[in-house]
Every structure is written in C-alpha cells, then in structure tokens.
C-alpha cells in the first residue's frame, strides 16, 4: 500500500469509538465522534494555501485531504470539533511527510513522518517540544479501521488511545442480473 491508496481507503465518513488511558494517573476516558475525510488534489487551493503557510513548494505535494471531526470525550464539557487540511509528500512508496493546518490556517501543526509497516499498517510519528506522538492505523476490512496512538511527553508522562472506526453510509453492491 502507498499513501495515495491509504488515503483513498480512508476517505468517506466514519463513526469512531475512542478509549483514552492516561498511564501515569490511571485515568480513563471514552468518547465517540464522526470523522469525515475528503481527498484533495495536490493543486487544490486549500492544499496550495497550506504549502504557502508552511513554506513548501506545491509541486512536491503528492496528494492532500480535508478532515473534519465532531464528537465528545466523557468528563469534558463541550464537543471535540474541528477540521484540518493536509498535504503529503512521498519520499518513496512507503515513506514521506504529512503537513497539516488546523482550522482556518491560523495554527500550523508540526509535520509528521509516515511509513508503512508490515500488513499495510500506517505509522505516523510527530515530534514537537510537547512530546512525541506515534499513531498506527490499519484496516481490518474495507469498512473497519483501527487506530492506536501513544503520546510521550517530555516530563515522562504518557497516554494511550485506541479507536475503532466503522465506515458510515456503506451501500451493498448491485447484484448482477441472473443470466446477464
């Protein structure tokens, strides 16, 4: 699998159930959200705008996407709602970088480096002054996606999240007519 195939499989609307575990405090949270991903061409105005904000040459972009989410975590007031634009560069078939902008380009997220592990598992690593995040995403089937995230903070604390995601709006293929 390469990044374009991965994003193609990830496009659409998903229902996500999340479980967070803050290892150091043994605090646990759960939540639900709806996630929607739309693929964008590298020449899309939003992708080009992100490139300009990040100081990237738009011709180096392989593909892009727009992601929106809306959900909640138990114990928190207000919804977990937002959106981001991403632009992807590929080093080769299995590695590259993802640049993101959250909201209305006011907040540039740090770039992440991705690779594909055995079994077409997507691995995204993002390093900032607030810590290192490693996110692993894989597909159990075309319509079931699993996500595991570890966050390691400079103070030594860390948290782990697991999400199971089911594609929404799946339609059954039209049956071939008998004898046709």
C-alpha atoms as a PDB file:
ATOM      1  CA  UNK A   1       0.000   0.000   0.000  1.00  0.00           C
ATOM      2  CA  UNK A   2       1.192   3.557  -0.609  1.00  0.00           C
ATOM      3  CA  UNK A   3      -0.051   6.860   0.830  1.00  0.00           C
ATOM      4  CA  UNK A   4      -2.491   7.527  -2.005  1.00  0.00           C
ATOM      5  CA  UNK A   5      -4.087   4.097  -1.599  1.00  0.00           C
ATOM      6  CA  UNK A   6      -4.230   4.595   2.169  1.00  0.00           C
ATOM      7  CA  UNK A   7      -5.957   7.981   1.889  1.00  0.00           C
ATOM      8  CA  UNK A   8      -8.346   6.603  -0.736  1.00  0.00           C
ATOM      9  CA  UNK A   9      -9.324   3.784   1.649  1.00  0.00           C
ATOM     10  CA  UNK A  10      -9.676   6.342   4.470  1.00  0.00           C
ATOM     11  CA  UNK A  11     -11.879   8.755   2.542  1.00  0.00           C
ATOM     12  CA  UNK A  12     -15.539   8.976   3.490  1.00  0.00           C
ATOM     13  CA  UNK A  13     -17.437   9.249   6.739  1.00  0.00           C
ATOM     14  CA  UNK A  14     -16.543   7.178   9.809  1.00  0.00           C
ATOM     15  CA  UNK A  15     -18.092   6.567  13.222  1.00  0.00           C
ATOM     16  CA  UNK A  16     -15.332   6.355  15.830  1.00  0.00           C
ATOM     17  CA  UNK A  17     -15.385   4.970  19.373  1.00  0.00           C
ATOM     18  CA  UNK A  18     -12.360   6.036  21.412  1.00  0.00           C
ATOM     19  CA  UNK A  19     -10.812   4.905  24.664  1.00  0.00           C
ATOM     20  CA  UNK A  20      -8.065   7.029  26.309  1.00  0.00           C
ATOM     21  CA  UNK A  21      -5.812   5.830  29.085  1.00  0.00           C
ATOM     22  CA  UNK A  22      -3.545   8.269  30.920  1.00  0.00           C
ATOM     23  CA  UNK A  23      -0.976   5.759  32.141  1.00  0.00           C
ATOM     24  CA  UNK A  24       0.580   7.813  34.933  1.00  0.00           C
ATOM     25  CA  UNK A  25      -2.686   8.741  36.616  1.00  0.00           C
ATOM     26  CA  UNK A  26      -4.627   5.615  35.612  1.00  0.00           C
ATOM     27  CA  UNK A  27      -7.360   7.954  34.368  1.00  0.00           C
ATOM     28  CA  UNK A  28      -9.527   6.587  31.587  1.00  0.00           C
ATOM     29  CA  UNK A  29     -11.912   8.336  29.214  1.00  0.00           C
ATOM     30  CA  UNK A  30     -14.110   7.181  26.410  1.00  0.00           C
ATOM     31  CA  UNK A  31     -15.825   9.042  23.646  1.00  0.00           C
ATOM     32  CA  UNK A  32     -17.447   8.957  20.254  1.00  0.00           C
ATOM     33  CA  UNK A  33     -17.057  11.036  17.145  1.00  0.00           C
ATOM     34  CA  UNK A  34     -17.821  11.264  13.480  1.00  0.00           C
ATOM     35  CA  UNK A  35     -14.847  11.753  11.192  1.00  0.00           C
ATOM     36  CA  UNK A  36     -15.088  12.702   7.527  1.00  0.00           C
ATOM     37  CA  UNK A  37     -12.187  12.728   5.085  1.00  0.00           C
ATOM     38  CA  UNK A  38     -12.307  14.227   1.611  1.00  0.00           C
ATOM     39  CA  UNK A  39      -9.429  13.706  -0.819  1.00  0.00           C
ATOM     40  CA  UNK A  40      -7.933  16.822  -2.397  1.00  0.00           C
ATOM     41  CA  UNK A  41      -5.743  17.095  -5.485  1.00  0.00           C
ATOM     42  CA  UNK A  42      -2.281  18.495  -4.934  1.00  0.00           C
ATOM     43  CA  UNK A  43      -3.357  21.545  -6.956  1.00  0.00           C
ATOM     44  CA  UNK A  44      -6.421  22.244  -4.768  1.00  0.00           C
ATOM     45  CA  UNK A  45      -6.462  25.853  -3.485  1.00  0.00           C
ATOM     46  CA  UNK A  46      -6.557  24.694   0.168  1.00  0.00           C
ATOM     47  CA  UNK A  47      -3.506  22.470  -0.343  1.00  0.00           C
ATOM     48  CA  UNK A  48      -1.643  25.257  -2.144  1.00  0.00           C
ATOM     49  CA  UNK A  49      -2.526  27.688   0.675  1.00  0.00           C
ATOM     50  CA  UNK A  50      -1.174  25.213   3.241  1.00  0.00           C
ATOM     51  CA  UNK A  51       2.041  24.901   1.205  1.00  0.00           C
ATOM     52  CA  UNK A  52       2.447  28.669   1.206  1.00  0.00           C
ATOM     53  CA  UNK A  53       1.940  28.837   5.003  1.00  0.00           C
ATOM     54  CA  UNK A  54       4.457  26.012   5.549  1.00  0.00           C
ATOM     55  CA  UNK A  55       6.995  27.354   3.029  1.00  0.00           C
ATOM     56  CA  UNK A  56       6.627  24.291   0.786  1.00  0.00           C
ATOM     57  CA  UNK A  57       6.857  24.113  -2.969  1.00  0.00           C
ATOM     58  CA  UNK A  58       3.365  22.915  -4.080  1.00  0.00           C
ATOM     59  CA  UNK A  59       4.930  20.840  -6.877  1.00  0.00           C
ATOM     60  CA  UNK A  60       6.427  18.499  -4.246  1.00  0.00           C
ATOM     61  CA  UNK A  61       2.971  17.511  -2.955  1.00  0.00           C
ATOM     62  CA  UNK A  62       1.732  14.026  -3.817  1.00  0.00           C
ATOM     63  CA  UNK A  63      -1.833  14.476  -2.580  1.00  0.00           C
ATOM     64  CA  UNK A  64      -3.950  16.170   0.061  1.00  0.00           C
ATOM     65  CA  UNK A  65      -7.050  15.757   2.181  1.00  0.00           C
ATOM     66  CA  UNK A  66      -9.540  17.665   4.296  1.00  0.00           C
ATOM     67  CA  UNK A  67     -10.565  16.054   7.589  1.00  0.00           C
ATOM     68  CA  UNK A  68     -13.448  17.168   9.826  1.00  0.00           C
ATOM     69  CA  UNK A  69     -14.489  15.690  13.169  1.00  0.00           C
ATOM     70  CA  UNK A  70     -17.236  16.204  15.704  1.00  0.00           C
ATOM     71  CA  UNK A  71     -17.524  14.257  18.931  1.00  0.00           C
ATOM     72  CA  UNK A  72     -17.111  14.184  22.679  1.00  0.00           C
ATOM     73  CA  UNK A  73     -14.999  12.692  25.450  1.00  0.00           C
ATOM     74  CA  UNK A  74     -16.618  11.653  28.719  1.00  0.00           C
ATOM     75  CA  UNK A  75     -15.914  14.112  31.516  1.00  0.00           C
ATOM     76  CA  UNK A  76     -15.221  17.068  29.232  1.00  0.00           C
ATOM     77  CA  UNK A  77     -17.568  19.942  28.585  1.00  0.00           C
ATOM     78  CA  UNK A  78     -18.110  20.946  25.000  1.00  0.00           C
ATOM     79  CA  UNK A  79     -17.578  18.961  21.892  1.00  0.00           C
ATOM     80  CA  UNK A  80     -14.343  17.883  20.303  1.00  0.00           C
ATOM     81  CA  UNK A  81     -14.928  19.567  16.956  1.00  0.00           C
ATOM     82  CA  UNK A  82     -12.509  20.730  14.293  1.00  0.00           C
ATOM     83  CA  UNK A  83     -11.014  20.369  10.866  1.00  0.00           C
ATOM     84  CA  UNK A  84      -7.644  20.210   9.198  1.00  0.00           C
ATOM     85  CA  UNK A  85      -6.084  20.293   5.769  1.00  0.00           C
ATOM     86  CA  UNK A  86      -3.164  18.016   5.000  1.00  0.00           C
ATOM     87  CA  UNK A  87      -0.571  17.979   2.271  1.00  0.00           C
ATOM     88  CA  UNK A  88       1.521  14.866   1.689  1.00  0.00           C
ATOM     89  CA  UNK A  89       4.991  14.456   0.220  1.00  0.00           C
ATOM     90  CA  UNK A  90       6.322  10.990  -0.565  1.00  0.00           C
ATOM     91  CA  UNK A  91       9.967  10.038  -0.230  1.00  0.00           C
ATOM     92  CA  UNK A  92       9.242   6.709  -1.866  1.00  0.00           C
ATOM     93  CA  UNK A  93       6.341   4.268  -1.980  1.00  0.00           C
ATOM     94  CA  UNK A  94       6.445   3.599   1.779  1.00  0.00           C
ATOM     95  CA  UNK A  95       7.642   6.824   3.439  1.00  0.00           C
ATOM     96  CA  UNK A  96       7.058  10.557   3.410  1.00  0.00           C
ATOM     97  CA  UNK A  97       5.882  13.597   5.337  1.00  0.00           C
ATOM     98  CA  UNK A  98       2.461  14.987   6.207  1.00  0.00           C
ATOM     99  CA  UNK A  99       1.985  18.708   6.734  1.00  0.00           C
ATOM    100  CA  UNK A 100      -1.196  19.847   8.475  1.00  0.00           C
ATOM    101  CA  UNK A 101      -3.010  23.047   9.193  1.00  0.00           C
ATOM    102  CA  UNK A 102      -5.740  23.068  11.813  1.00  0.00           C
ATOM    103  CA  UNK A 103      -8.835  25.247  11.489  1.00  0.00           C
ATOM    104  CA  UNK A 104      -8.531  28.281   9.255  1.00  0.00           C
ATOM    105  CA  UNK A 105      -4.761  28.007   8.722  1.00  0.00           C
ATOM    106  CA  UNK A 106      -4.259  30.009  11.918  1.00  0.00           C
ATOM    107  CA  UNK A 107      -2.499  27.074  13.512  1.00  0.00           C
ATOM    108  CA  UNK A 108       0.123  25.119  11.590  1.00  0.00           C
ATOM    109  CA  UNK A 109       0.581  21.682  13.050  1.00  0.00           C
ATOM    110  CA  UNK A 110       4.077  20.226  13.011  1.00  0.00           C
ATOM    111  CA  UNK A 111       4.947  17.927  10.161  1.00  0.00           C
ATOM    112  CA  UNK A 112       4.713  14.228  10.754  1.00  0.00           C
ATOM    113  CA  UNK A 113       6.776  11.489   9.166  1.00  0.00           C
ATOM    114  CA  UNK A 114       4.951   8.408   7.931  1.00  0.00           C
ATOM    115  CA  UNK A 115       5.855   4.914   6.894  1.00  0.00           C
ATOM    116  CA  UNK A 116       4.060   1.657   6.227  1.00  0.00           C
ATOM    117  CA  UNK A 117       4.847  -1.322   8.417  1.00  0.00           C
ATOM    118  CA  UNK A 118       4.025  -4.973   7.819  1.00  0.00           C
ATOM    119  CA  UNK A 119       0.413  -5.662   6.941  1.00  0.00           C
ATOM    120  CA  UNK A 120      -0.043  -2.188   5.402  1.00  0.00           C
ATOM    121  CA  UNK A 121      -0.091  -0.589   8.854  1.00  0.00           C
ATOM    122  CA  UNK A 122       0.264   3.197   8.512  1.00  0.00           C
ATOM    123  CA  UNK A 123       2.607   4.701  11.131  1.00  0.00           C
ATOM    124  CA  UNK A 124       2.709   8.483  11.677  1.00  0.00           C
ATOM    125  CA  UNK A 125       5.309   9.959  14.044  1.00  0.00           C
ATOM    126  CA  UNK A 126       5.133  13.610  15.071  1.00  0.00           C
ATOM    127  CA  UNK A 127       7.793  15.186  17.296  1.00  0.00           C
ATOM    128  CA  UNK A 128       7.256  18.571  18.993  1.00  0.00           C
ATOM    129  CA  UNK A 129       8.528  20.345  22.093  1.00  0.00           C
ATOM    130  CA  UNK A 130       5.398  18.985  23.832  1.00  0.00           C
ATOM    131  CA  UNK A 131       6.315  15.368  23.118  1.00  0.00           C
ATOM    132  CA  UNK A 132       6.286  12.581  20.573  1.00  0.00           C
ATOM    133  CA  UNK A 133       3.118  11.095  19.149  1.00  0.00           C
ATOM    134  CA  UNK A 134       3.115   7.760  17.344  1.00  0.00           C
ATOM    135  CA  UNK A 135      -0.128   6.841  15.623  1.00  0.00           C
ATOM    136  CA  UNK A 136      -0.757   3.481  13.950  1.00  0.00           C
ATOM    137  CA  UNK A 137      -3.743   2.910  11.661  1.00  0.00           C
ATOM    138  CA  UNK A 138      -4.745  -0.308   9.937  1.00  0.00           C
ATOM    139  CA  UNK A 139      -7.791  -1.763   8.216  1.00  0.00           C
ATOM    140  CA  UNK A 140      -9.495  -4.935   9.411  1.00  0.00           C
ATOM    141  CA  UNK A 141     -11.720  -4.737   6.317  1.00  0.00           C
ATOM    142  CA  UNK A 142     -12.757  -2.123   3.775  1.00  0.00           C
ATOM    143  CA  UNK A 143     -15.218  -0.664   6.284  1.00  0.00           C
ATOM    144  CA  UNK A 144     -13.456  -1.205   9.634  1.00  0.00           C
ATOM    145  CA  UNK A 145     -10.387   0.786  10.597  1.00  0.00           C
ATOM    146  CA  UNK A 146      -8.422   0.604  13.869  1.00  0.00           C
ATOM    147  CA  UNK A 147      -6.201   3.320  15.333  1.00  0.00           C
ATOM    148  CA  UNK A 148      -3.726   3.202  18.220  1.00  0.00           C
ATOM    149  CA  UNK A 149      -1.968   6.349  19.487  1.00  0.00           C
ATOM    150  CA  UNK A 150       0.836   6.746  22.048  1.00  0.00           C
ATOM    151  CA  UNK A 151       1.844  10.177  23.334  1.00  0.00           C
ATOM    152  CA  UNK A 152       5.152  10.503  25.217  1.00  0.00           C
ATOM    153  CA  UNK A 153       5.642  13.879  26.951  1.00  0.00           C
ATOM    154  CA  UNK A 154       8.985  15.453  27.982  1.00  0.00           C
ATOM    155  CA  UNK A 155       8.039  15.204  31.682  1.00  0.00           C
ATOM    156  CA  UNK A 156       7.906  11.408  31.320  1.00  0.00           C
ATOM    157  CA  UNK A 157       4.120  11.122  31.365  1.00  0.00           C
ATOM    158  CA  UNK A 158       2.317   9.385  28.559  1.00  0.00           C
ATOM    159  CA  UNK A 159      -1.098   8.393  27.354  1.00  0.00           C
ATOM    160  CA  UNK A 160      -2.509   5.778  25.032  1.00  0.00           C
ATOM    161  CA  UNK A 161      -5.663   5.857  22.911  1.00  0.00           C
ATOM    162  CA  UNK A 162      -7.410   3.187  20.891  1.00  0.00           C
ATOM    163  CA  UNK A 163     -10.158   3.855  18.351  1.00  0.00           C
ATOM    164  CA  UNK A 164     -12.356   1.505  16.395  1.00  0.00           C
ATOM    165  CA  UNK A 165     -13.891   3.152  13.363  1.00  0.00           C
ATOM    166  CA  UNK A 166     -16.683   1.941  11.111  1.00  0.00           C
ATOM    167  CA  UNK A 167     -17.411   3.470   7.735  1.00  0.00           C
ATOM    168  CA  UNK A 168     -20.857   5.099   7.536  1.00  0.00           C
ATOM    169  CA  UNK A 169     -23.110   5.047   4.504  1.00  0.00           C
ATOM    170  CA  UNK A 170     -21.863   1.793   3.045  1.00  0.00           C
ATOM    171  CA  UNK A 171     -24.054   0.554   0.240  1.00  0.00           C
ATOM    172  CA  UNK A 172     -24.258  -3.015  -0.918  1.00  0.00           C
ATOM    173  CA  UNK A 173     -23.072  -3.683  -4.463  1.00  0.00           C
ATOM    174  CA  UNK A 174     -25.842  -4.097  -7.010  1.00  0.00           C
ATOM    175  CA  UNK A 175     -26.354  -7.775  -7.744  1.00  0.00           C
ATOM    176  CA  UNK A 176     -25.712  -8.945 -11.268  1.00  0.00           C
ATOM    177  CA  UNK A 177     -28.914  -9.968 -13.041  1.00  0.00           C
ATOM    178  CA  UNK A 178     -29.345 -13.721 -13.274  1.00  0.00           C
ATOM    179  CA  UNK A 179     -28.218 -14.950 -16.667  1.00  0.00           C
ATOM    180  CA  UNK A 180     -26.894 -11.487 -17.503  1.00  0.00           C
END
